[in-house]
Amino acid sequence: MGHSRVAFRKAVAFCGWSMLSAAIGYSVAGEQWANGMEVILYPREMVTGISAQNLSNLEICVAGMLLAALLSIASLVHGCVLLVSERRYEA
């Protein structure tokens, strides 16, 4: 008893942490964000003002953000399922 509540709290904390990490990743990209996304979405078009190193860093930030978001959503769903199943068991 109570394990699902702990799992749910951990899932909510992890979800908040991953969203904070995503926000930090976006702020690290800074002014390069719009140019970098344009290069990622339309690689054939030439975009000035972004270096290959900055673009690589931006791609890593986006990939990390997406991975953290997927893991946090899965963790949150798992915590919710545990909480609901424990509530049904108690009833």
PDB file of N, CA and C in Angstrom:
ATOM      1  N   MET A   1       0.843  -1.177   0.000  1.00  0.00           N
ATOM      2  CA  MET A   1       0.000   0.000   0.000  1.00  0.00           C
ATOM      3  C   MET A   1       0.891   1.243   0.000  1.00  0.00           C
ATOM      4  N   GLY A   2       0.486   2.210  -0.772  1.00  0.00           N
ATOM      5  CA  GLY A   2       1.225   3.460  -0.816  1.00  0.00           C
ATOM      6  C   GLY A   2       2.342   3.501  -1.835  1.00  0.00           C
ATOM      7  N   HIS A   3       2.693   2.337  -2.404  1.00  0.00           N
ATOM      8  CA  HIS A   3       3.779   2.314  -3.386  1.00  0.00           C
ATOM      9  C   HIS A   3       3.394   3.071  -4.653  1.00  0.00           C
ATOM     10  N   SER A   4       2.119   3.006  -5.011  1.00  0.00           N
ATOM     11  CA  SER A   4       1.691   3.703  -6.226  1.00  0.00           C
ATOM     12  C   SER A   4       1.729   5.214  -6.034  1.00  0.00           C
ATOM     13  N   ARG A   5       1.447   5.670  -4.831  1.00  0.00           N
ATOM     14  CA  ARG A   5       1.520   7.115  -4.570  1.00  0.00           C
ATOM     15  C   ARG A   5       2.959   7.600  -4.677  1.00  0.00           C
ATOM     16  N   VAL A   6       3.879   6.813  -4.170  1.00  0.00           N
ATOM     17  CA  VAL A   6       5.295   7.165  -4.279  1.00  0.00           C
ATOM     18  C   VAL A   6       5.730   7.153  -5.737  1.00  0.00           C
ATOM     19  N   ALA A   7       5.310   6.130  -6.477  1.00  0.00           N
ATOM     20  CA  ALA A   7       5.651   6.051  -7.900  1.00  0.00           C
ATOM     21  C   ALA A   7       5.050   7.219  -8.665  1.00  0.00           C
ATOM     22  N   PHE A   8       3.822   7.610  -8.316  1.00  0.00           N
ATOM     23  CA  PHE A   8       3.180   8.739  -8.985  1.00  0.00           C
ATOM     24  C   PHE A   8       3.920  10.036  -8.678  1.00  0.00           C
ATOM     25  N   ARG A   9       4.326  10.232  -7.431  1.00  0.00           N
ATOM     26  CA  ARG A   9       5.084  11.446  -7.075  1.00  0.00           C
ATOM     27  C   ARG A   9       6.423  11.490  -7.790  1.00  0.00           C
ATOM     28  N   LYS A  10       7.089  10.344  -7.877  1.00  0.00           N
ATOM     29  CA  LYS A  10       8.354  10.293  -8.618  1.00  0.00           C
ATOM     30  C   LYS A  10       8.136  10.606 -10.090  1.00  0.00           C
ATOM     31  N   ALA A  11       7.051  10.086 -10.654  1.00  0.00           N
ATOM     32  CA  ALA A  11       6.753  10.336 -12.070  1.00  0.00           C
ATOM     33  C   ALA A  11       6.481  11.811 -12.322  1.00  0.00           C
ATOM     34  N   VAL A  12       5.738  12.453 -11.429  1.00  0.00           N
ATOM     35  CA  VAL A  12       5.461  13.883 -11.585  1.00  0.00           C
ATOM     36  C   VAL A  12       6.745  14.689 -11.445  1.00  0.00           C
ATOM     37  N   ALA A  13       7.588  14.323 -10.489  1.00  0.00           N
ATOM     38  CA  ALA A  13       8.866  15.025 -10.320  1.00  0.00           C
ATOM     39  C   ALA A  13       9.759  14.839 -11.541  1.00  0.00           C
ATOM     40  N   PHE A  14       9.811  13.622 -12.075  1.00  0.00           N
ATOM     41  CA  PHE A  14      10.628  13.365 -13.257  1.00  0.00           C
ATOM     42  C   PHE A  14      10.097  14.117 -14.466  1.00  0.00           C
ATOM     43  N   CYS A  15       8.774  14.201 -14.587  1.00  0.00           N
ATOM     44  CA  CYS A  15       8.168  14.942 -15.693  1.00  0.00           C
ATOM     45  C   CYS A  15       8.532  16.419 -15.590  1.00  0.00           C
ATOM     46  N   GLY A  16       8.455  16.986 -14.407  1.00  0.00           N
ATOM     47  CA  GLY A  16       8.849  18.381 -14.215  1.00  0.00           C
ATOM     48  C   GLY A  16      10.317  18.600 -14.499  1.00  0.00           C
ATOM     49  N   TRP A  17      11.153  17.664 -14.045  1.00  0.00           N
ATOM     50  CA  TRP A  17      12.594  17.782 -14.292  1.00  0.00           C
ATOM     51  C   TRP A  17      12.898  17.735 -15.782  1.00  0.00           C
ATOM     52  N   SER A  18      12.237  16.845 -16.510  1.00  0.00           N
ATOM     53  CA  SER A  18      12.522  16.734 -17.943  1.00  0.00           C
ATOM     54  C   SER A  18      12.043  17.965 -18.699  1.00  0.00           C
ATOM     55  N   MET A  19      10.922  18.550 -18.284  1.00  0.00           N
ATOM     56  CA  MET A  19      10.467  19.775 -18.940  1.00  0.00           C
ATOM     57  C   MET A  19      11.414  20.937 -18.632  1.00  0.00           C
ATOM     58  N   LEU A  20      11.952  20.980 -17.415  1.00  0.00           N
ATOM     59  CA  LEU A  20      12.947  21.994 -17.071  1.00  0.00           C
ATOM     60  C   LEU A  20      14.212  21.794 -17.892  1.00  0.00           C
ATOM     61  N   SER A  21      14.626  20.555 -18.053  1.00  0.00           N
ATOM     62  CA  SER A  21      15.807  20.266 -18.878  1.00  0.00           C
ATOM     63  C   SER A  21      15.577  20.674 -20.325  1.00  0.00           C
ATOM     64  N   ALA A  22      14.375  20.449 -20.820  1.00  0.00           N
ATOM     65  CA  ALA A  22      14.057  20.858 -22.190  1.00  0.00           C
ATOM     66  C   ALA A  22      14.116  22.370 -22.326  1.00  0.00           C
ATOM     67  N   ALA A  23      13.602  23.079 -21.330  1.00  0.00           N
ATOM     68  CA  ALA A  23      13.642  24.543 -21.380  1.00  0.00           C
ATOM     69  C   ALA A  23      15.080  25.047 -21.346  1.00  0.00           C
ATOM     70  N   ILE A  24      15.920  24.429 -20.529  1.00  0.00           N
ATOM     71  CA  ILE A  24      17.335  24.813 -20.481  1.00  0.00           C
ATOM     72  C   ILE A  24      18.001  24.508 -21.813  1.00  0.00           C
ATOM     73  N   GLY A  25      17.679  23.374 -22.407  1.00  0.00           N
ATOM     74  CA  GLY A  25      18.236  23.031 -23.715  1.00  0.00           C
ATOM     75  C   GLY A  25      17.862  24.034 -24.775  1.00  0.00           C
ATOM     76  N   TYR A  26      16.614  24.495 -24.730  1.00  0.00           N
ATOM     77  CA  TYR A  26      16.195  25.504 -25.697  1.00  0.00           C
ATOM     78  C   TYR A  26      16.901  26.834 -25.453  1.00  0.00           C
ATOM     79  N   SER A  27      17.064  27.216 -24.189  1.00  0.00           N
ATOM     80  CA  SER A  27      17.721  28.496 -23.919  1.00  0.00           C
ATOM     81  C   SER A  27      19.197  28.462 -24.276  1.00  0.00           C
ATOM     82  N   VAL A  28      19.830  27.288 -24.174  1.00  0.00           N
ATOM     83  CA  VAL A  28      21.236  27.159 -24.575  1.00  0.00           C
ATOM     84  C   VAL A  28      21.376  27.422 -26.070  1.00  0.00           C
ATOM     85  N   ALA A  29      20.393  26.970 -26.841  1.00  0.00           N
ATOM     86  CA  ALA A  29      20.447  27.202 -28.284  1.00  0.00           C
ATOM     87  C   ALA A  29      20.328  28.687 -28.622  1.00  0.00           C
ATOM     88  N   GLY A  30      19.602  29.441 -27.792  1.00  0.00           N
ATOM     89  CA  GLY A  30      19.521  30.891 -27.936  1.00  0.00           C
ATOM     90  C   GLY A  30      19.037  31.370 -29.283  1.00  0.00           C
ATOM     91  N   GLU A  31      19.758  32.318 -29.833  1.00  0.00           N
ATOM     92  CA  GLU A  31      19.362  32.940 -31.094  1.00  0.00           C
ATOM     93  C   GLU A  31      19.471  31.988 -32.277  1.00  0.00           C
ATOM     94  N   GLN A  32      20.196  30.902 -32.113  1.00  0.00           N
ATOM     95  CA  GLN A  32      20.379  29.936 -33.197  1.00  0.00           C
ATOM     96  C   GLN A  32      19.134  29.081 -33.424  1.00  0.00           C
ATOM     97  N   TRP A  33      18.164  29.168 -32.523  1.00  0.00           N
ATOM     98  CA  TRP A  33      17.024  28.260 -32.564  1.00  0.00           C
ATOM     99  C   TRP A  33      16.274  28.325 -33.894  1.00  0.00           C
ATOM    100  N   ALA A  34      15.864  29.499 -34.309  1.00  0.00           N
ATOM    101  CA  ALA A  34      15.063  29.609 -35.534  1.00  0.00           C
ATOM    102  C   ALA A  34      15.858  29.151 -36.751  1.00  0.00           C
ATOM    103  N   ASN A  35      17.103  29.591 -36.859  1.00  0.00           N
ATOM    104  CA  ASN A  35      17.933  29.181 -37.989  1.00  0.00           C
ATOM    105  C   ASN A  35      18.199  27.680 -37.956  1.00  0.00           C
ATOM    106  N   GLY A  36      18.463  27.163 -36.784  1.00  0.00           N
ATOM    107  CA  GLY A  36      18.748  25.732 -36.655  1.00  0.00           C
ATOM    108  C   GLY A  36      17.560  24.868 -37.020  1.00  0.00           C
ATOM    109  N   MET A  37      16.367  25.252 -36.565  1.00  0.00           N
ATOM    110  CA  MET A  37      15.174  24.480 -36.910  1.00  0.00           C
ATOM    111  C   MET A  37      14.900  24.549 -38.408  1.00  0.00           C
ATOM    112  N   GLU A  38      15.178  25.705 -39.005  1.00  0.00           N
ATOM    113  CA  GLU A  38      14.985  25.829 -40.450  1.00  0.00           C
ATOM    114  C   GLU A  38      15.930  24.898 -41.202  1.00  0.00           C
ATOM    115  N   VAL A  39      17.166  24.788 -40.717  1.00  0.00           N
ATOM    116  CA  VAL A  39      18.130  23.890 -41.360  1.00  0.00           C
ATOM    117  C   VAL A  39      17.721  22.433 -41.166  1.00  0.00           C
ATOM    118  N   ILE A  40      17.220  22.092 -39.968  1.00  0.00           N
ATOM    119  CA  ILE A  40      16.799  20.717 -39.707  1.00  0.00           C
ATOM    120  C   ILE A  40      15.589  20.355 -40.577  1.00  0.00           C
ATOM    121  N   LEU A  41      14.622  21.266 -40.675  1.00  0.00           N
ATOM    122  CA  LEU A  41      13.408  20.982 -41.433  1.00  0.00           C
ATOM    123  C   LEU A  41      13.609  21.071 -42.939  1.00  0.00           C
ATOM    124  N   TYR A  42      14.459  22.003 -43.375  1.00  0.00           N
ATOM    125  CA  TYR A  42      14.702  22.217 -44.806  1.00  0.00           C
ATOM    126  C   TYR A  42      16.199  22.182 -45.069  1.00  0.00           C
ATOM    127  N   PRO A  43      16.810  20.998 -45.070  1.00  0.00           N
ATOM    128  CA  PRO A  43      18.276  20.914 -45.178  1.00  0.00           C
ATOM    129  C   PRO A  43      18.826  21.364 -46.525  1.00  0.00           C
ATOM    130  N   ARG A  44      18.007  21.411 -47.558  1.00  0.00           N
ATOM    131  CA  ARG A  44      18.519  21.795 -48.877  1.00  0.00           C
ATOM    132  C   ARG A  44      18.748  23.294 -48.981  1.00  0.00           C
ATOM    133  N   GLU A  45      17.977  24.077 -48.236  1.00  0.00           N
ATOM    134  CA  GLU A  45      18.108  25.525 -48.319  1.00  0.00           C
ATOM    135  C   GLU A  45      19.299  25.993 -47.487  1.00  0.00           C
ATOM    136  N   MET A  46      19.995  26.965 -47.988  1.00  0.00           N
ATOM    137  CA  MET A  46      21.143  27.520 -47.272  1.00  0.00           C
ATOM    138  C   MET A  46      20.654  28.519 -46.231  1.00  0.00           C
ATOM    139  N   VAL A  47      21.140  28.397 -45.039  1.00  0.00           N
ATOM    140  CA  VAL A  47      20.802  29.320 -43.962  1.00  0.00           C
ATOM    141  C   VAL A  47      22.097  29.912 -43.448  1.00  0.00           C
ATOM    142  N   THR A  48      22.150  31.208 -43.368  1.00  0.00           N
ATOM    143  CA  THR A  48      23.368  31.866 -42.903  1.00  0.00           C
ATOM    144  C   THR A  48      23.288  32.100 -41.405  1.00  0.00           C
ATOM    145  N   GLY A  49      24.438  32.235 -40.795  1.00  0.00           N
ATOM    146  CA  GLY A  49      24.501  32.607 -39.385  1.00  0.00           C
ATOM    147  C   GLY A  49      24.535  31.448 -38.413  1.00  0.00           C
ATOM    148  N   ILE A  50      24.688  30.229 -38.888  1.00  0.00           N
ATOM    149  CA  ILE A  50      24.762  29.093 -37.974  1.00  0.00           C
ATOM    150  C   ILE A  50      25.929  28.211 -38.400  1.00  0.00           C
ATOM    151  N   SER A  51      26.712  27.829 -37.440  1.00  0.00           N
ATOM    152  CA  SER A  51      27.862  26.982 -37.748  1.00  0.00           C
ATOM    153  C   SER A  51      27.471  25.516 -37.626  1.00  0.00           C
ATOM    154  N   ALA A  52      28.303  24.657 -38.163  1.00  0.00           N
ATOM    155  CA  ALA A  52      28.035  23.217 -38.089  1.00  0.00           C
ATOM    156  C   ALA A  52      28.060  22.734 -36.643  1.00  0.00           C
ATOM    157  N   GLN A  53      28.949  23.296 -35.828  1.00  0.00           N
ATOM    158  CA  GLN A  53      29.031  22.902 -34.419  1.00  0.00           C
ATOM    159  C   GLN A  53      27.759  23.301 -33.671  1.00  0.00           C
ATOM    160  N   ASN A  54      27.278  24.524 -33.918  1.00  0.00           N
ATOM    161  CA  ASN A  54      26.046  24.959 -33.257  1.00  0.00           C
ATOM    162  C   ASN A  54      24.854  24.133 -33.703  1.00  0.00           C
ATOM    163  N   LEU A  55      24.814  23.784 -34.973  1.00  0.00           N
ATOM    164  CA  LEU A  55      23.724  22.953 -35.474  1.00  0.00           C
ATOM    165  C   LEU A  55      23.774  21.564 -34.842  1.00  0.00           C
ATOM    166  N   SER A  56      24.956  21.021 -34.693  1.00  0.00           N
ATOM    167  CA  SER A  56      25.107  19.720 -34.047  1.00  0.00           C
ATOM    168  C   SER A  56      24.641  19.786 -32.595  1.00  0.00           C
ATOM    169  N   ASN A  57      25.020  20.854 -31.888  1.00  0.00           N
ATOM    170  CA  ASN A  57      24.573  21.028 -30.503  1.00  0.00           C
ATOM    171  C   ASN A  57      23.060  21.162 -30.429  1.00  0.00           C
ATOM    172  N   LEU A  58      22.491  21.877 -31.378  1.00  0.00           N
ATOM    173  CA  LEU A  58      21.046  22.064 -31.400  1.00  0.00           C
ATOM    174  C   LEU A  58      20.331  20.738 -31.645  1.00  0.00           C
ATOM    175  N   GLU A  59      20.831  19.933 -32.554  1.00  0.00           N
ATOM    176  CA  GLU A  59      20.219  18.629 -32.818  1.00  0.00           C
ATOM    177  C   GLU A  59      20.294  17.730 -31.590  1.00  0.00           C
ATOM    178  N   ILE A  60      21.399  17.795 -30.861  1.00  0.00           N
ATOM    179  CA  ILE A  60      21.539  17.008 -29.633  1.00  0.00           C
ATOM    180  C   ILE A  60      20.545  17.487 -28.587  1.00  0.00           C
ATOM    181  N   CYS A  61      20.369  18.811 -28.464  1.00  0.00           N
ATOM    182  CA  CYS A  61      19.403  19.358 -27.509  1.00  0.00           C
ATOM    183  C   CYS A  61      17.985  18.904 -27.841  1.00  0.00           C
ATOM    184  N   VAL A  62      17.617  18.963 -29.114  1.00  0.00           N
ATOM    185  CA  VAL A  62      16.271  18.557 -29.528  1.00  0.00           C
ATOM    186  C   VAL A  62      16.072  17.061 -29.291  1.00  0.00           C
ATOM    187  N   ALA A  63      17.058  16.254 -29.646  1.00  0.00           N
ATOM    188  CA  ALA A  63      16.944  14.806 -29.439  1.00  0.00           C
ATOM    189  C   ALA A  63      16.848  14.475 -27.952  1.00  0.00           C
ATOM    190  N   GLY A  64      17.650  15.133 -27.139  1.00  0.00           N
ATOM    191  CA  GLY A  64      17.593  14.911 -25.694  1.00  0.00           C
ATOM    192  C   GLY A  64      16.265  15.329 -25.101  1.00  0.00           C
ATOM    193  N   MET A  65      15.733  16.455 -25.582  1.00  0.00           N
ATOM    194  CA  MET A  65      14.442  16.923 -25.105  1.00  0.00           C
ATOM    195  C   MET A  65      13.343  15.935 -25.468  1.00  0.00           C
ATOM    196  N   LEU A  66      13.353  15.439 -26.694  1.00  0.00           N
ATOM    197  CA  LEU A  66      12.330  14.476 -27.107  1.00  0.00           C
ATOM    198  C   LEU A  66      12.434  13.167 -26.328  1.00  0.00           C
ATOM    199  N   LEU A  67      13.650  12.690 -26.107  1.00  0.00           N
ATOM    200  CA  LEU A  67      13.844  11.459 -25.345  1.00  0.00           C
ATOM    201  C   LEU A  67      13.384  11.636 -23.901  1.00  0.00           C
ATOM    202  N   ALA A  68      13.758  12.754 -23.281  1.00  0.00           N
ATOM    203  CA  ALA A  68      13.339  13.008 -21.902  1.00  0.00           C
ATOM    204  C   ALA A  68      11.825  13.143 -21.808  1.00  0.00           C
ATOM    205  N   ALA A  69      11.208  13.783 -22.787  1.00  0.00           N
ATOM    206  CA  ALA A  69       9.753  13.926 -22.776  1.00  0.00           C
ATOM    207  C   ALA A  69       9.068  12.566 -22.909  1.00  0.00           C
ATOM    208  N   LEU A  70       9.570  11.717 -23.797  1.00  0.00           N
ATOM    209  CA  LEU A  70       8.979  10.382 -23.956  1.00  0.00           C
ATOM    210  C   LEU A  70       9.129   9.550 -22.688  1.00  0.00           C
ATOM    211  N   LEU A  71      10.308   9.595 -22.082  1.00  0.00           N
ATOM    212  CA  LEU A  71      10.520   8.841 -20.841  1.00  0.00           C
ATOM    213  C   LEU A  71       9.648   9.371 -19.714  1.00  0.00           C
ATOM    214  N   SER A  72       9.522  10.693 -19.611  1.00  0.00           N
ATOM    215  CA  SER A  72       8.717  11.254 -18.529  1.00  0.00           C
ATOM    216  C   SER A  72       7.239  10.947 -18.719  1.00  0.00           C
ATOM    217  N   ILE A  73       6.766  10.982 -19.959  1.00  0.00           N
ATOM    218  CA  ILE A  73       5.360  10.649 -20.211  1.00  0.00           C
ATOM    219  C   ILE A  73       5.102   9.181 -19.893  1.00  0.00           C
ATOM    220  N   ALA A  74       6.018   8.308 -20.274  1.00  0.00           N
ATOM    221  CA  ALA A  74       5.867   6.885 -19.952  1.00  0.00           C
ATOM    222  C   ALA A  74       5.881   6.661 -18.443  1.00  0.00           C
ATOM    223  N   SER A  75       6.761   7.362 -17.745  1.00  0.00           N
ATOM    224  CA  SER A  75       6.828   7.245 -16.292  1.00  0.00           C
ATOM    225  C   SER A  75       5.558   7.780 -15.641  1.00  0.00           C
ATOM    226  N   LEU A  76       5.040   8.881 -16.162  1.00  0.00           N
ATOM    227  CA  LEU A  76       3.813   9.459 -15.624  1.00  0.00           C
ATOM    228  C   LEU A  76       2.622   8.528 -15.846  1.00  0.00           C
ATOM    229  N   VAL A  77       2.523   7.932 -17.026  1.00  0.00           N
ATOM    230  CA  VAL A  77       1.438   6.985 -17.310  1.00  0.00           C
ATOM    231  C   VAL A  77       1.558   5.761 -16.400  1.00  0.00           C
ATOM    232  N   HIS A  78       2.774   5.270 -16.198  1.00  0.00           N
ATOM    233  CA  HIS A  78       2.985   4.119 -15.308  1.00  0.00           C
ATOM    234  C   HIS A  78       2.547   4.458 -13.888  1.00  0.00           C
ATOM    235  N   GLY A  79       2.915   5.639 -13.400  1.00  0.00           N
ATOM    236  CA  GLY A  79       2.500   6.060 -12.063  1.00  0.00           C
ATOM    237  C   GLY A  79       0.993   6.187 -11.944  1.00  0.00           C
ATOM    238  N   CYS A  80       0.342   6.711 -12.979  1.00  0.00           N
ATOM    239  CA  CYS A  80      -1.118   6.834 -12.970  1.00  0.00           C
ATOM    240  C   CYS A  80      -1.785   5.465 -12.952  1.00  0.00           C
ATOM    241  N   VAL A  81      -1.259   4.536 -13.744  1.00  0.00           N
ATOM    242  CA  VAL A  81      -1.819   3.179 -13.773  1.00  0.00           C
ATOM    243  C   VAL A  81      -1.673   2.515 -12.408  1.00  0.00           C
ATOM    244  N   LEU A  82      -0.523   2.669 -11.776  1.00  0.00           N
ATOM    245  CA  LEU A  82      -0.338   2.095 -10.442  1.00  0.00           C
ATOM    246  C   LEU A  82      -1.297   2.710  -9.433  1.00  0.00           C
ATOM    247  N   LEU A  83      -1.480   4.022  -9.505  1.00  0.00           N
ATOM    248  CA  LEU A  83      -2.374   4.702  -8.572  1.00  0.00           C
ATOM    249  C   LEU A  83      -3.816   4.244  -8.766  1.00  0.00           C
ATOM    250  N   VAL A  84      -4.261   4.138 -10.005  1.00  0.00           N
ATOM    251  CA  VAL A  84      -5.633   3.698 -10.285  1.00  0.00           C
ATOM    252  C   VAL A  84      -5.829   2.246  -9.865  1.00  0.00           C
ATOM    253  N   SER A  85      -4.859   1.391 -10.141  1.00  0.00           N
ATOM    254  CA  SER A  85      -5.008  -0.019  -9.764  1.00  0.00           C
ATOM    255  C   SER A  85      -5.016  -0.185  -8.248  1.00  0.00           C
ATOM    256  N   GLU A  86      -4.242   0.620  -7.529  1.00  0.00           N
ATOM    257  CA  GLU A  86      -4.266   0.535  -6.063  1.00  0.00           C
ATOM    258  C   GLU A  86      -5.592   1.038  -5.517  1.00  0.00           C
ATOM    259  N   ARG A  87      -6.126   2.083  -6.110  1.00  0.00           N
ATOM    260  CA  ARG A  87      -7.428   2.596  -5.659  1.00  0.00           C
ATOM    261  C   ARG A  87      -8.518   1.542  -5.886  1.00  0.00           C
ATOM    262  N   ARG A  88      -8.462   0.853  -7.014  1.00  0.00           N
ATOM    263  CA  ARG A  88      -9.455  -0.198  -7.288  1.00  0.00           C
ATOM    264  C   ARG A  88      -9.287  -1.363  -6.320  1.00  0.00           C
ATOM    265  N   TYR A  89      -8.052  -1.676  -5.957  1.00  0.00           N
ATOM    266  CA  TYR A  89      -7.789  -2.771  -5.032  1.00  0.00           C
ATOM    267  C   TYR A  89      -8.310  -2.429  -3.641  1.00  0.00           C
ATOM    268  N   GLU A  90      -8.157  -1.150  -3.234  1.00  0.00           N
ATOM    269  CA  GLU A  90      -8.620  -0.728  -1.917  1.00  0.00           C
ATOM    270  C   GLU A  90     -10.140  -0.700  -1.833  1.00  0.00           C
ATOM    271  N   ALA A  91     -10.809  -0.456  -2.970  1.00  0.00           N
ATOM    272  CA  ALA A  91     -12.280  -0.326  -2.959  1.00  0.00           C
ATOM    273  C   ALA A  91     -12.990  -1.652  -2.830  1.00  0.00           C
TER     274      ALA A  91
END
